[in-house]
Amino acid sequence: QIETNLNQVVNRALPLIDADESLSSASLEI
């Protein structure tokens, strides 16, 4: 279940960062 949560975060953040040049992986925080 924890691994599923991690993969969902990566899959949802990836298209947002790819579409918006102002966003980057550095903006992803825990």
mmCIF file of all heavy atoms, coordinates in Angstrom:
data_MODEL
# 
_entry.id   MODEL 
# 
loop_
_atom_site.group_PDB 
_atom_site.id 
_atom_site.type_symbol 
_atom_site.label_atom_id 
_atom_site.label_alt_id 
_atom_site.label_comp_id 
_atom_site.label_asym_id 
_atom_site.label_entity_id 
_atom_site.label_seq_id 
_atom_site.pdbx_PDB_ins_code 
_atom_site.Cartn_x 
_atom_site.Cartn_y 
_atom_site.Cartn_z 
_atom_site.occupancy 
_atom_site.B_iso_or_equiv 
_atom_site.pdbx_formal_charge 
_atom_site.auth_seq_id 
_atom_site.auth_comp_id 
_atom_site.auth_asym_id 
_atom_site.auth_atom_id 
_atom_site.pdbx_PDB_model_num 
ATOM 1   N N   . GLN A 1 1  ? 0.827  -1.202 0.000   1.00 0.00 ? 1  GLN A N   1 
ATOM 2   C CA  . GLN A 1 1  ? 0.000  0.000  0.000   1.00 0.00 ? 1  GLN A CA  1 
ATOM 3   C C   . GLN A 1 1  ? 0.862  1.252  0.000   1.00 0.00 ? 1  GLN A C   1 
ATOM 4   O O   . GLN A 1 1  ? 0.570  2.229  -0.706  1.00 0.00 ? 1  GLN A O   1 
ATOM 5   C CB  . GLN A 1 1  ? -0.927 -0.008 1.221   1.00 0.00 ? 1  GLN A CB  1 
ATOM 6   C CG  . GLN A 1 1  ? -1.892 1.169  1.292   1.00 0.00 ? 1  GLN A CG  1 
ATOM 7   C CD  . GLN A 1 1  ? -2.818 1.237  0.090   1.00 0.00 ? 1  GLN A CD  1 
ATOM 8   O OE1 . GLN A 1 1  ? -3.427 0.249  -0.289  1.00 0.00 ? 1  GLN A OE1 1 
ATOM 9   N NE2 . GLN A 1 1  ? -2.912 2.415  -0.524  1.00 0.00 ? 1  GLN A NE2 1 
ATOM 10  N N   . ILE A 1 2  ? 1.942  1.253  0.785   1.00 0.00 ? 2  ILE A N   1 
ATOM 11  C CA  . ILE A 1 2  ? 2.859  2.407  0.801   1.00 0.00 ? 2  ILE A CA  1 
ATOM 12  C C   . ILE A 1 2  ? 3.491  2.592  -0.575  1.00 0.00 ? 2  ILE A C   1 
ATOM 13  O O   . ILE A 1 2  ? 3.615  3.726  -1.077  1.00 0.00 ? 2  ILE A O   1 
ATOM 14  C CB  . ILE A 1 2  ? 3.924  2.217  1.887   1.00 0.00 ? 2  ILE A CB  1 
ATOM 15  C CG1 . ILE A 1 2  ? 3.274  2.201  3.285   1.00 0.00 ? 2  ILE A CG1 1 
ATOM 16  C CG2 . ILE A 1 2  ? 4.986  3.306  1.804   1.00 0.00 ? 2  ILE A CG2 1 
ATOM 17  C CD1 . ILE A 1 2  ? 4.241  1.881  4.403   1.00 0.00 ? 2  ILE A CD1 1 
ATOM 18  N N   . GLU A 1 3  ? 3.904  1.505  -1.214  1.00 0.00 ? 3  GLU A N   1 
ATOM 19  C CA  . GLU A 1 3  ? 4.503  1.609  -2.553  1.00 0.00 ? 3  GLU A CA  1 
ATOM 20  C C   . GLU A 1 3  ? 3.491  2.144  -3.564  1.00 0.00 ? 3  GLU A C   1 
ATOM 21  O O   . GLU A 1 3  ? 3.849  2.934  -4.459  1.00 0.00 ? 3  GLU A O   1 
ATOM 22  C CB  . GLU A 1 3  ? 5.016  0.234  -2.986  1.00 0.00 ? 3  GLU A CB  1 
ATOM 23  C CG  . GLU A 1 3  ? 6.209  -0.264 -2.167  1.00 0.00 ? 3  GLU A CG  1 
ATOM 24  C CD  . GLU A 1 3  ? 6.584  -1.692 -2.500  1.00 0.00 ? 3  GLU A CD  1 
ATOM 25  O OE1 . GLU A 1 3  ? 5.835  -2.324 -3.291  1.00 0.00 ? 3  GLU A OE1 1 
ATOM 26  O OE2 . GLU A 1 3  ? 7.597  -2.199 -1.985  1.00 0.00 ? 3  GLU A OE2 1 
ATOM 27  N N   . THR A 1 4  ? 2.254  1.733  -3.449  1.00 0.00 ? 4  THR A N   1 
ATOM 28  C CA  . THR A 1 4  ? 1.213  2.273  -4.334  1.00 0.00 ? 4  THR A CA  1 
ATOM 29  C C   . THR A 1 4  ? 1.053  3.775  -4.146  1.00 0.00 ? 4  THR A C   1 
ATOM 30  O O   . THR A 1 4  ? 0.919  4.538  -5.128  1.00 0.00 ? 4  THR A O   1 
ATOM 31  C CB  . THR A 1 4  ? -0.113 1.554  -4.072  1.00 0.00 ? 4  THR A CB  1 
ATOM 32  O OG1 . THR A 1 4  ? 0.059  0.141  -4.292  1.00 0.00 ? 4  THR A OG1 1 
ATOM 33  C CG2 . THR A 1 4  ? -1.201 2.074  -5.002  1.00 0.00 ? 4  THR A CG2 1 
ATOM 34  N N   . ASN A 1 5  ? 1.070  4.252  -2.879  1.00 0.00 ? 5  ASN A N   1 
ATOM 35  C CA  . ASN A 1 5  ? 0.964  5.691  -2.614  1.00 0.00 ? 5  ASN A CA  1 
ATOM 36  C C   . ASN A 1 5  ? 2.128  6.456  -3.241  1.00 0.00 ? 5  ASN A C   1 
ATOM 37  O O   . ASN A 1 5  ? 1.945  7.533  -3.821  1.00 0.00 ? 5  ASN A O   1 
ATOM 38  C CB  . ASN A 1 5  ? 0.903  5.947  -1.111  1.00 0.00 ? 5  ASN A CB  1 
ATOM 39  C CG  . ASN A 1 5  ? -0.345 5.345  -0.469  1.00 0.00 ? 5  ASN A CG  1 
ATOM 40  O OD1 . ASN A 1 5  ? -1.351 5.113  -1.145  1.00 0.00 ? 5  ASN A OD1 1 
ATOM 41  N ND2 . ASN A 1 5  ? -0.273 5.097  0.833   1.00 0.00 ? 5  ASN A ND2 1 
ATOM 42  N N   . LEU A 1 6  ? 3.335  5.926  -3.132  1.00 0.00 ? 6  LEU A N   1 
ATOM 43  C CA  . LEU A 1 6  ? 4.507  6.598  -3.699  1.00 0.00 ? 6  LEU A CA  1 
ATOM 44  C C   . LEU A 1 6  ? 4.402  6.680  -5.223  1.00 0.00 ? 6  LEU A C   1 
ATOM 45  O O   . LEU A 1 6  ? 4.699  7.728  -5.828  1.00 0.00 ? 6  LEU A O   1 
ATOM 46  C CB  . LEU A 1 6  ? 5.782  5.855  -3.292  1.00 0.00 ? 6  LEU A CB  1 
ATOM 47  C CG  . LEU A 1 6  ? 6.117  5.827  -1.796  1.00 0.00 ? 6  LEU A CG  1 
ATOM 48  C CD1 . LEU A 1 6  ? 7.357  4.966  -1.534  1.00 0.00 ? 6  LEU A CD1 1 
ATOM 49  C CD2 . LEU A 1 6  ? 6.341  7.232  -1.258  1.00 0.00 ? 6  LEU A CD2 1 
ATOM 50  N N   . ASN A 1 7  ? 4.009  5.594  -5.876  1.00 0.00 ? 7  ASN A N   1 
ATOM 51  C CA  . ASN A 1 7  ? 3.888  5.607  -7.337  1.00 0.00 ? 7  ASN A CA  1 
ATOM 52  C C   . ASN A 1 7  ? 2.791  6.559  -7.801  1.00 0.00 ? 7  ASN A C   1 
ATOM 53  O O   . ASN A 1 7  ? 2.928  7.215  -8.853  1.00 0.00 ? 7  ASN A O   1 
ATOM 54  C CB  . ASN A 1 7  ? 3.602  4.193  -7.844  1.00 0.00 ? 7  ASN A CB  1 
ATOM 55  C CG  . ASN A 1 7  ? 4.830  3.284  -7.752  1.00 0.00 ? 7  ASN A CG  1 
ATOM 56  O OD1 . ASN A 1 7  ? 5.938  3.708  -8.049  1.00 0.00 ? 7  ASN A OD1 1 
ATOM 57  N ND2 . ASN A 1 7  ? 4.621  2.049  -7.333  1.00 0.00 ? 7  ASN A ND2 1 
ATOM 58  N N   . GLN A 1 8  ? 1.721  6.676  -7.030  1.00 0.00 ? 8  GLN A N   1 
ATOM 59  C CA  . GLN A 1 8  ? 0.654  7.609  -7.408  1.00 0.00 ? 8  GLN A CA  1 
ATOM 60  C C   . GLN A 1 8  ? 1.136  9.056  -7.344  1.00 0.00 ? 8  GLN A C   1 
ATOM 61  O O   . GLN A 1 8  ? 0.808  9.868  -8.219  1.00 0.00 ? 8  GLN A O   1 
ATOM 62  C CB  . GLN A 1 8  ? -0.553 7.408  -6.496  1.00 0.00 ? 8  GLN A CB  1 
ATOM 63  C CG  . GLN A 1 8  ? -1.336 6.129  -6.775  1.00 0.00 ? 8  GLN A CG  1 
ATOM 64  C CD  . GLN A 1 8  ? -2.511 5.948  -5.840  1.00 0.00 ? 8  GLN A CD  1 
ATOM 65  O OE1 . GLN A 1 8  ? -2.673 6.710  -4.867  1.00 0.00 ? 8  GLN A OE1 1 
ATOM 66  N NE2 . GLN A 1 8  ? -3.340 4.937  -6.101  1.00 0.00 ? 8  GLN A NE2 1 
ATOM 67  N N   . VAL A 1 9  ? 1.959  9.374  -6.333  1.00 0.00 ? 9  VAL A N   1 
ATOM 68  C CA  . VAL A 1 9  ? 2.487  10.732 -6.227  1.00 0.00 ? 9  VAL A CA  1 
ATOM 69  C C   . VAL A 1 9  ? 3.383  11.034 -7.426  1.00 0.00 ? 9  VAL A C   1 
ATOM 70  O O   . VAL A 1 9  ? 3.303  12.109 -8.040  1.00 0.00 ? 9  VAL A O   1 
ATOM 71  C CB  . VAL A 1 9  ? 3.249  10.902 -4.903  1.00 0.00 ? 9  VAL A CB  1 
ATOM 72  C CG1 . VAL A 1 9  ? 4.031  12.218 -4.897  1.00 0.00 ? 9  VAL A CG1 1 
ATOM 73  C CG2 . VAL A 1 9  ? 2.295  10.848 -3.726  1.00 0.00 ? 9  VAL A CG2 1 
ATOM 74  N N   . VAL A 1 10 ? 4.251  10.097 -7.801  1.00 0.00 ? 10 VAL A N   1 
ATOM 75  C CA  . VAL A 1 10 ? 5.157  10.313 -8.932  1.00 0.00 ? 10 VAL A CA  1 
ATOM 76  C C   . VAL A 1 10 ? 4.359  10.463 -10.225 1.00 0.00 ? 10 VAL A C   1 
ATOM 77  O O   . VAL A 1 10 ? 4.613  11.377 -11.032 1.00 0.00 ? 10 VAL A O   1 
ATOM 78  C CB  . VAL A 1 10 ? 6.175  9.160  -9.034  1.00 0.00 ? 10 VAL A CB  1 
ATOM 79  C CG1 . VAL A 1 10 ? 7.002  9.283  -10.315 1.00 0.00 ? 10 VAL A CG1 1 
ATOM 80  C CG2 . VAL A 1 10 ? 7.087  9.138  -7.824  1.00 0.00 ? 10 VAL A CG2 1 
ATOM 81  N N   . ASN A 1 11 ? 3.380  9.618  -10.444 1.00 0.00 ? 11 ASN A N   1 
ATOM 82  C CA  . ASN A 1 11 ? 2.609  9.655  -11.695 1.00 0.00 ? 11 ASN A CA  1 
ATOM 83  C C   . ASN A 1 11 ? 1.748  10.924 -11.805 1.00 0.00 ? 11 ASN A C   1 
ATOM 84  O O   . ASN A 1 11 ? 1.502  11.410 -12.919 1.00 0.00 ? 11 ASN A O   1 
ATOM 85  C CB  . ASN A 1 11 ? 1.728  8.415  -11.789 1.00 0.00 ? 11 ASN A CB  1 
ATOM 86  C CG  . ASN A 1 11 ? 2.552  7.137  -11.970 1.00 0.00 ? 11 ASN A CG  1 
ATOM 87  O OD1 . ASN A 1 11 ? 3.664  7.171  -12.513 1.00 0.00 ? 11 ASN A OD1 1 
ATOM 88  N ND2 . ASN A 1 11 ? 2.026  6.019  -11.491 1.00 0.00 ? 11 ASN A ND2 1 
ATOM 89  N N   . ARG A 1 12 ? 1.308  11.471 -10.670 1.00 0.00 ? 12 ARG A N   1 
ATOM 90  C CA  . ARG A 1 12 ? 0.497  12.689 -10.733 1.00 0.00 ? 12 ARG A CA  1 
ATOM 91  C C   . ARG A 1 12 ? 1.364  13.943 -10.843 1.00 0.00 ? 12 ARG A C   1 
ATOM 92  O O   . ARG A 1 12 ? 0.966  14.921 -11.476 1.00 0.00 ? 12 ARG A O   1 
ATOM 93  C CB  . ARG A 1 12 ? -0.384 12.788 -9.495  1.00 0.00 ? 12 ARG A CB  1 
ATOM 94  C CG  . ARG A 1 12 ? -1.453 11.696 -9.441  1.00 0.00 ? 12 ARG A CG  1 
ATOM 95  C CD  . ARG A 1 12 ? -2.528 12.027 -8.439  1.00 0.00 ? 12 ARG A CD  1 
ATOM 96  N NE  . ARG A 1 12 ? -3.565 11.004 -8.433  1.00 0.00 ? 12 ARG A NE  1 
ATOM 97  C CZ  . ARG A 1 12 ? -4.721 11.129 -7.771  1.00 0.00 ? 12 ARG A CZ  1 
ATOM 98  N NH1 . ARG A 1 12 ? -4.963 12.243 -7.070  1.00 0.00 ? 12 ARG A NH1 1 
ATOM 99  N NH2 . ARG A 1 12 ? -5.624 10.168 -7.804  1.00 0.00 ? 12 ARG A NH2 1 
ATOM 100 N N   . ALA A 1 13 ? 2.530  13.929 -10.238 1.00 0.00 ? 13 ALA A N   1 
ATOM 101 C CA  . ALA A 1 13 ? 3.393  15.106 -10.295 1.00 0.00 ? 13 ALA A CA  1 
ATOM 102 C C   . ALA A 1 13 ? 4.124  15.221 -11.631 1.00 0.00 ? 13 ALA A C   1 
ATOM 103 O O   . ALA A 1 13 ? 4.442  16.330 -12.075 1.00 0.00 ? 13 ALA A O   1 
ATOM 104 C CB  . ALA A 1 13 ? 4.401  15.070 -9.157  1.00 0.00 ? 13 ALA A CB  1 
ATOM 105 N N   . LEU A 1 14 ? 4.377  14.121 -12.315 1.00 0.00 ? 14 LEU A N   1 
ATOM 106 C CA  . LEU A 1 14 ? 5.170  14.124 -13.545 1.00 0.00 ? 14 LEU A CA  1 
ATOM 107 C C   . LEU A 1 14 ? 4.508  14.946 -14.656 1.00 0.00 ? 14 LEU A C   1 
ATOM 108 O O   . LEU A 1 14 ? 5.160  15.829 -15.230 1.00 0.00 ? 14 LEU A O   1 
ATOM 109 C CB  . LEU A 1 14 ? 5.429  12.685 -14.013 1.00 0.00 ? 14 LEU A CB  1 
ATOM 110 C CG  . LEU A 1 14 ? 6.230  12.529 -15.301 1.00 0.00 ? 14 LEU A CG  1 
ATOM 111 C CD1 . LEU A 1 14 ? 7.623  13.137 -15.146 1.00 0.00 ? 14 LEU A CD1 1 
ATOM 112 C CD2 . LEU A 1 14 ? 6.325  11.063 -15.713 1.00 0.00 ? 14 LEU A CD2 1 
ATOM 113 N N   . PRO A 1 15 ? 3.237  14.725 -15.006 1.00 0.00 ? 15 PRO A N   1 
ATOM 114 C CA  . PRO A 1 15 ? 2.663  15.548 -16.098 1.00 0.00 ? 15 PRO A CA  1 
ATOM 115 C C   . PRO A 1 15 ? 2.531  17.018 -15.722 1.00 0.00 ? 15 PRO A C   1 
ATOM 116 O O   . PRO A 1 15 ? 2.636  17.889 -16.605 1.00 0.00 ? 15 PRO A O   1 
ATOM 117 C CB  . PRO A 1 15 ? 1.287  14.896 -16.322 1.00 0.00 ? 15 PRO A CB  1 
ATOM 118 C CG  . PRO A 1 15 ? 0.981  14.173 -15.076 1.00 0.00 ? 15 PRO A CG  1 
ATOM 119 C CD  . PRO A 1 15 ? 2.283  13.714 -14.524 1.00 0.00 ? 15 PRO A CD  1 
ATOM 120 N N   . LEU A 1 16 ? 2.354  17.296 -14.447 1.00 0.00 ? 16 LEU A N   1 
ATOM 121 C CA  . LEU A 1 16 ? 2.249  18.694 -14.031 1.00 0.00 ? 16 LEU A CA  1 
ATOM 122 C C   . LEU A 1 16 ? 3.586  19.410 -14.194 1.00 0.00 ? 16 LEU A C   1 
ATOM 123 O O   . LEU A 1 16 ? 3.646  20.548 -14.681 1.00 0.00 ? 16 LEU A O   1 
ATOM 124 C CB  . LEU A 1 16 ? 1.779  18.771 -12.575 1.00 0.00 ? 16 LEU A CB  1 
ATOM 125 C CG  . LEU A 1 16 ? 0.373  18.185 -12.299 1.00 0.00 ? 16 LEU A CG  1 
ATOM 126 C CD1 . LEU A 1 16 ? 0.072  18.222 -10.800 1.00 0.00 ? 16 LEU A CD1 1 
ATOM 127 C CD2 . LEU A 1 16 ? -0.694 18.952 -13.073 1.00 0.00 ? 16 LEU A CD2 1 
ATOM 128 N N   . ILE A 1 17 ? 4.674  18.760 -13.805 1.00 0.00 ? 17 ILE A N   1 
ATOM 129 C CA  . ILE A 1 17 ? 6.004  19.371 -13.936 1.00 0.00 ? 17 ILE A CA  1 
ATOM 130 C C   . ILE A 1 17 ? 6.397  19.476 -15.400 1.00 0.00 ? 17 ILE A C   1 
ATOM 131 O O   . ILE A 1 17 ? 7.015  20.460 -15.840 1.00 0.00 ? 17 ILE A O   1 
ATOM 132 C CB  . ILE A 1 17 ? 7.033  18.561 -13.137 1.00 0.00 ? 17 ILE A CB  1 
ATOM 133 C CG1 . ILE A 1 17 ? 6.701  18.623 -11.630 1.00 0.00 ? 17 ILE A CG1 1 
ATOM 134 C CG2 . ILE A 1 17 ? 8.448  19.050 -13.396 1.00 0.00 ? 17 ILE A CG2 1 
ATOM 135 C CD1 . ILE A 1 17 ? 7.599  17.750 -10.779 1.00 0.00 ? 17 ILE A CD1 1 
ATOM 136 N N   . ASP A 1 18 ? 6.048  18.467 -16.224 1.00 0.00 ? 18 ASP A N   1 
ATOM 137 C CA  . ASP A 1 18 ? 6.393  18.489 -17.635 1.00 0.00 ? 18 ASP A CA  1 
ATOM 138 C C   . ASP A 1 18 ? 5.629  19.576 -18.392 1.00 0.00 ? 18 ASP A C   1 
ATOM 139 O O   . ASP A 1 18 ? 6.147  20.173 -19.342 1.00 0.00 ? 18 ASP A O   1 
ATOM 140 C CB  . ASP A 1 18 ? 6.097  17.116 -18.248 1.00 0.00 ? 18 ASP A CB  1 
ATOM 141 C CG  . ASP A 1 18 ? 6.655  16.990 -19.653 1.00 0.00 ? 18 ASP A CG  1 
ATOM 142 O OD1 . ASP A 1 18 ? 7.560  17.770 -20.008 1.00 0.00 ? 18 ASP A OD1 1 
ATOM 143 O OD2 . ASP A 1 18 ? 6.183  16.104 -20.394 1.00 0.00 ? 18 ASP A OD2 1 
ATOM 144 N N   . ALA A 1 19 ? 4.404  19.858 -17.959 1.00 0.00 ? 19 ALA A N   1 
ATOM 145 C CA  . ALA A 1 19 ? 3.580  20.866 -18.654 1.00 0.00 ? 19 ALA A CA  1 
ATOM 146 C C   . ALA A 1 19 ? 3.898  22.287 -18.208 1.00 0.00 ? 19 ALA A C   1 
ATOM 147 O O   . ALA A 1 19 ? 3.754  23.234 -18.993 1.00 0.00 ? 19 ALA A O   1 
ATOM 148 C CB  . ALA A 1 19 ? 2.098  20.560 -18.423 1.00 0.00 ? 19 ALA A CB  1 
ATOM 149 N N   . ASP A 1 20 ? 4.335  22.477 -16.975 1.00 0.00 ? 20 ASP A N   1 
ATOM 150 C CA  . ASP A 1 20 ? 4.587  23.816 -16.435 1.00 0.00 ? 20 ASP A CA  1 
ATOM 151 C C   . ASP A 1 20 ? 6.087  23.965 -16.211 1.00 0.00 ? 20 ASP A C   1 
ATOM 152 O O   . ASP A 1 20 ? 6.677  23.277 -15.361 1.00 0.00 ? 20 ASP A O   1 
ATOM 153 C CB  . ASP A 1 20 ? 3.827  24.008 -15.123 1.00 0.00 ? 20 ASP A CB  1 
ATOM 154 C CG  . ASP A 1 20 ? 3.844  25.464 -14.660 1.00 0.00 ? 20 ASP A CG  1 
ATOM 155 O OD1 . ASP A 1 20 ? 4.585  26.264 -15.258 1.00 0.00 ? 20 ASP A OD1 1 
ATOM 156 O OD2 . ASP A 1 20 ? 3.126  25.769 -13.691 1.00 0.00 ? 20 ASP A OD2 1 
ATOM 157 N N   . GLU A 1 21 ? 6.715  24.850 -16.994 1.00 0.00 ? 21 GLU A N   1 
ATOM 158 C CA  . GLU A 1 21 ? 8.169  25.022 -16.882 1.00 0.00 ? 21 GLU A CA  1 
ATOM 159 C C   . GLU A 1 21 ? 8.561  25.675 -15.561 1.00 0.00 ? 21 GLU A C   1 
ATOM 160 O O   . GLU A 1 21 ? 9.726  25.565 -15.155 1.00 0.00 ? 21 GLU A O   1 
ATOM 161 C CB  . GLU A 1 21 ? 8.677  25.879 -18.040 1.00 0.00 ? 21 GLU A CB  1 
ATOM 162 C CG  . GLU A 1 21 ? 8.489  25.242 -19.410 1.00 0.00 ? 21 GLU A CG  1 
ATOM 163 C CD  . GLU A 1 21 ? 9.045  26.115 -20.508 1.00 0.00 ? 21 GLU A CD  1 
ATOM 164 O OE1 . GLU A 1 21 ? 9.494  27.235 -20.175 1.00 0.00 ? 21 GLU A OE1 1 
ATOM 165 O OE2 . GLU A 1 21 ? 9.022  25.686 -21.679 1.00 0.00 ? 21 GLU A OE2 1 
ATOM 166 N N   . SER A 1 22 ? 7.630  26.332 -14.889 1.00 0.00 ? 22 SER A N   1 
ATOM 167 C CA  . SER A 1 22 ? 7.960  26.949 -13.607 1.00 0.00 ? 22 SER A CA  1 
ATOM 168 C C   . SER A 1 22 ? 8.051  25.934 -12.485 1.00 0.00 ? 22 SER A C   1 
ATOM 169 O O   . SER A 1 22 ? 8.592  26.220 -11.409 1.00 0.00 ? 22 SER A O   1 
ATOM 170 C CB  . SER A 1 22 ? 6.906  28.005 -13.254 1.00 0.00 ? 22 SER A CB  1 
ATOM 171 O OG  . SER A 1 22 ? 5.617  27.401 -13.115 1.00 0.00 ? 22 SER A OG  1 
ATOM 172 N N   . LEU A 1 23 ? 7.525  24.745 -12.724 1.00 0.00 ? 23 LEU A N   1 
ATOM 173 C CA  . LEU A 1 23 ? 7.583  23.693 -11.718 1.00 0.00 ? 23 LEU A CA  1 
ATOM 174 C C   . LEU A 1 23 ? 8.774  22.776 -11.978 1.00 0.00 ? 23 LEU A C   1 
ATOM 175 O O   . LEU A 1 23 ? 9.204  22.592 -13.120 1.00 0.00 ? 23 LEU A O   1 
ATOM 176 C CB  . LEU A 1 23 ? 6.291  22.874 -11.720 1.00 0.00 ? 23 LEU A CB  1 
ATOM 177 C CG  . LEU A 1 23 ? 5.001  23.608 -11.332 1.00 0.00 ? 23 LEU A CG  1 
ATOM 178 C CD1 . LEU A 1 23 ? 3.801  22.681 -11.442 1.00 0.00 ? 23 LEU A CD1 1 
ATOM 179 C CD2 . LEU A 1 23 ? 5.105  24.169 -9.914  1.00 0.00 ? 23 LEU A CD2 1 
ATOM 180 N N   . SER A 1 24 ? 9.264  22.198 -10.893 1.00 0.00 ? 24 SER A N   1 
ATOM 181 C CA  . SER A 1 24 ? 10.370 21.233 -10.986 1.00 0.00 ? 24 SER A CA  1 
ATOM 182 C C   . SER A 1 24 ? 10.208 20.224 -9.869  1.00 0.00 ? 24 SER A C   1 
ATOM 183 O O   . SER A 1 24 ? 9.370  20.373 -8.959  1.00 0.00 ? 24 SER A O   1 
ATOM 184 C CB  . SER A 1 24 ? 11.726 21.935 -10.898 1.00 0.00 ? 24 SER A CB  1 
ATOM 185 O OG  . SER A 1 24 ? 11.902 22.501 -9.620  1.00 0.00 ? 24 SER A OG  1 
ATOM 186 N N   . SER A 1 25 ? 11.030 19.185 -9.940  1.00 0.00 ? 25 SER A N   1 
ATOM 187 C CA  . SER A 1 25 ? 10.955 18.169 -8.899  1.00 0.00 ? 25 SER A CA  1 
ATOM 188 C C   . SER A 1 25 ? 11.370 18.724 -7.538  1.00 0.00 ? 25 SER A C   1 
ATOM 189 O O   . SER A 1 25 ? 10.997 18.159 -6.503  1.00 0.00 ? 25 SER A O   1 
ATOM 190 C CB  . SER A 1 25 ? 11.861 16.992 -9.276  1.00 0.00 ? 25 SER A CB  1 
ATOM 191 O OG  . SER A 1 25 ? 13.215 17.418 -9.396  1.00 0.00 ? 25 SER A OG  1 
ATOM 192 N N   . ALA A 1 26 ? 12.115 19.852 -7.530  1.00 0.00 ? 26 ALA A N   1 
ATOM 193 C CA  . ALA A 1 26 ? 12.527 20.428 -6.244  1.00 0.00 ? 26 ALA A CA  1 
ATOM 194 C C   . ALA A 1 26 ? 11.347 20.984 -5.460  1.00 0.00 ? 26 ALA A C   1 
ATOM 195 O O   . ALA A 1 26 ? 11.428 21.158 -4.227  1.00 0.00 ? 26 ALA A O   1 
ATOM 196 C CB  . ALA A 1 26 ? 13.567 21.516 -6.470  1.00 0.00 ? 26 ALA A CB  1 
ATOM 197 N N   . SER A 1 27 ? 10.246 21.257 -6.165  1.00 0.00 ? 27 SER A N   1 
ATOM 198 C CA  . SER A 1 27 ? 9.065  21.770 -5.462  1.00 0.00 ? 27 SER A CA  1 
ATOM 199 C C   . SER A 1 27 ? 8.273  20.677 -4.762  1.00 0.00 ? 27 SER A C   1 
ATOM 200 O O   . SER A 1 27 ? 7.333  20.967 -4.010  1.00 0.00 ? 27 SER A O   1 
ATOM 201 C CB  . SER A 1 27 ? 8.151  22.497 -6.455  1.00 0.00 ? 27 SER A CB  1 
ATOM 202 O OG  . SER A 1 27 ? 7.713  21.596 -7.475  1.00 0.00 ? 27 SER A OG  1 
ATOM 203 N N   . LEU A 1 28 ? 8.637  19.407 -5.004  1.00 0.00 ? 28 LEU A N   1 
ATOM 204 C CA  . LEU A 1 28 ? 7.961  18.284 -4.353  1.00 0.00 ? 28 LEU A CA  1 
ATOM 205 C C   . LEU A 1 28 ? 8.588  18.089 -2.967  1.00 0.00 ? 28 LEU A C   1 
ATOM 206 O O   . LEU A 1 28 ? 9.798  17.850 -2.854  1.00 0.00 ? 28 LEU A O   1 
ATOM 207 C CB  . LEU A 1 28 ? 8.088  17.013 -5.186  1.00 0.00 ? 28 LEU A CB  1 
ATOM 208 C CG  . LEU A 1 28 ? 7.405  15.755 -4.645  1.00 0.00 ? 28 LEU A CG  1 
ATOM 209 C CD1 . LEU A 1 28 ? 5.908  15.976 -4.499  1.00 0.00 ? 28 LEU A CD1 1 
ATOM 210 C CD2 . LEU A 1 28 ? 7.696  14.566 -5.536  1.00 0.00 ? 28 LEU A CD2 1 
ATOM 211 N N   . GLU A 1 29 ? 7.793  18.197 -1.925  1.00 0.00 ? 29 GLU A N   1 
ATOM 212 C CA  . GLU A 1 29 ? 8.285  18.095 -0.557  1.00 0.00 ? 29 GLU A CA  1 
ATOM 213 C C   . GLU A 1 29 ? 7.443  17.105 0.235   1.00 0.00 ? 29 GLU A C   1 
ATOM 214 O O   . GLU A 1 29 ? 6.316  16.759 -0.150  1.00 0.00 ? 29 GLU A O   1 
ATOM 215 C CB  . GLU A 1 29 ? 8.253  19.466 0.127   1.00 0.00 ? 29 GLU A CB  1 
ATOM 216 C CG  . GLU A 1 29 ? 9.159  20.505 -0.532  1.00 0.00 ? 29 GLU A CG  1 
ATOM 217 C CD  . GLU A 1 29 ? 9.101  21.840 0.183   1.00 0.00 ? 29 GLU A CD  1 
ATOM 218 O OE1 . GLU A 1 29 ? 8.237  21.958 1.092   1.00 0.00 ? 29 GLU A OE1 1 
ATOM 219 O OE2 . GLU A 1 29 ? 9.887  22.737 -0.165  1.00 0.00 ? 29 GLU A OE2 1 
ATOM 220 N N   . ILE A 1 30 ? 8.032  16.643 1.345   1.00 0.00 ? 30 ILE A N   1 
ATOM 221 C CA  . ILE A 1 30 ? 7.373  15.715 2.265   1.00 0.00 ? 30 ILE A CA  1 
ATOM 222 C C   . ILE A 1 30 ? 7.157  16.439 3.592   1.00 0.00 ? 30 ILE A C   1 
ATOM 223 O O   . ILE A 1 30 ? 8.106  17.008 4.163   1.00 0.00 ? 30 ILE A O   1 
ATOM 224 C CB  . ILE A 1 30 ? 8.194  14.439 2.476   1.00 0.00 ? 30 ILE A CB  1 
ATOM 225 C CG1 . ILE A 1 30 ? 8.517  13.780 1.136   1.00 0.00 ? 30 ILE A CG1 1 
ATOM 226 C CG2 . ILE A 1 30 ? 7.454  13.462 3.379   1.00 0.00 ? 30 ILE A CG2 1 
ATOM 227 C CD1 . ILE A 1 30 ? 7.309  13.354 0.347   1.00 0.00 ? 30 ILE A CD1 1 
# 
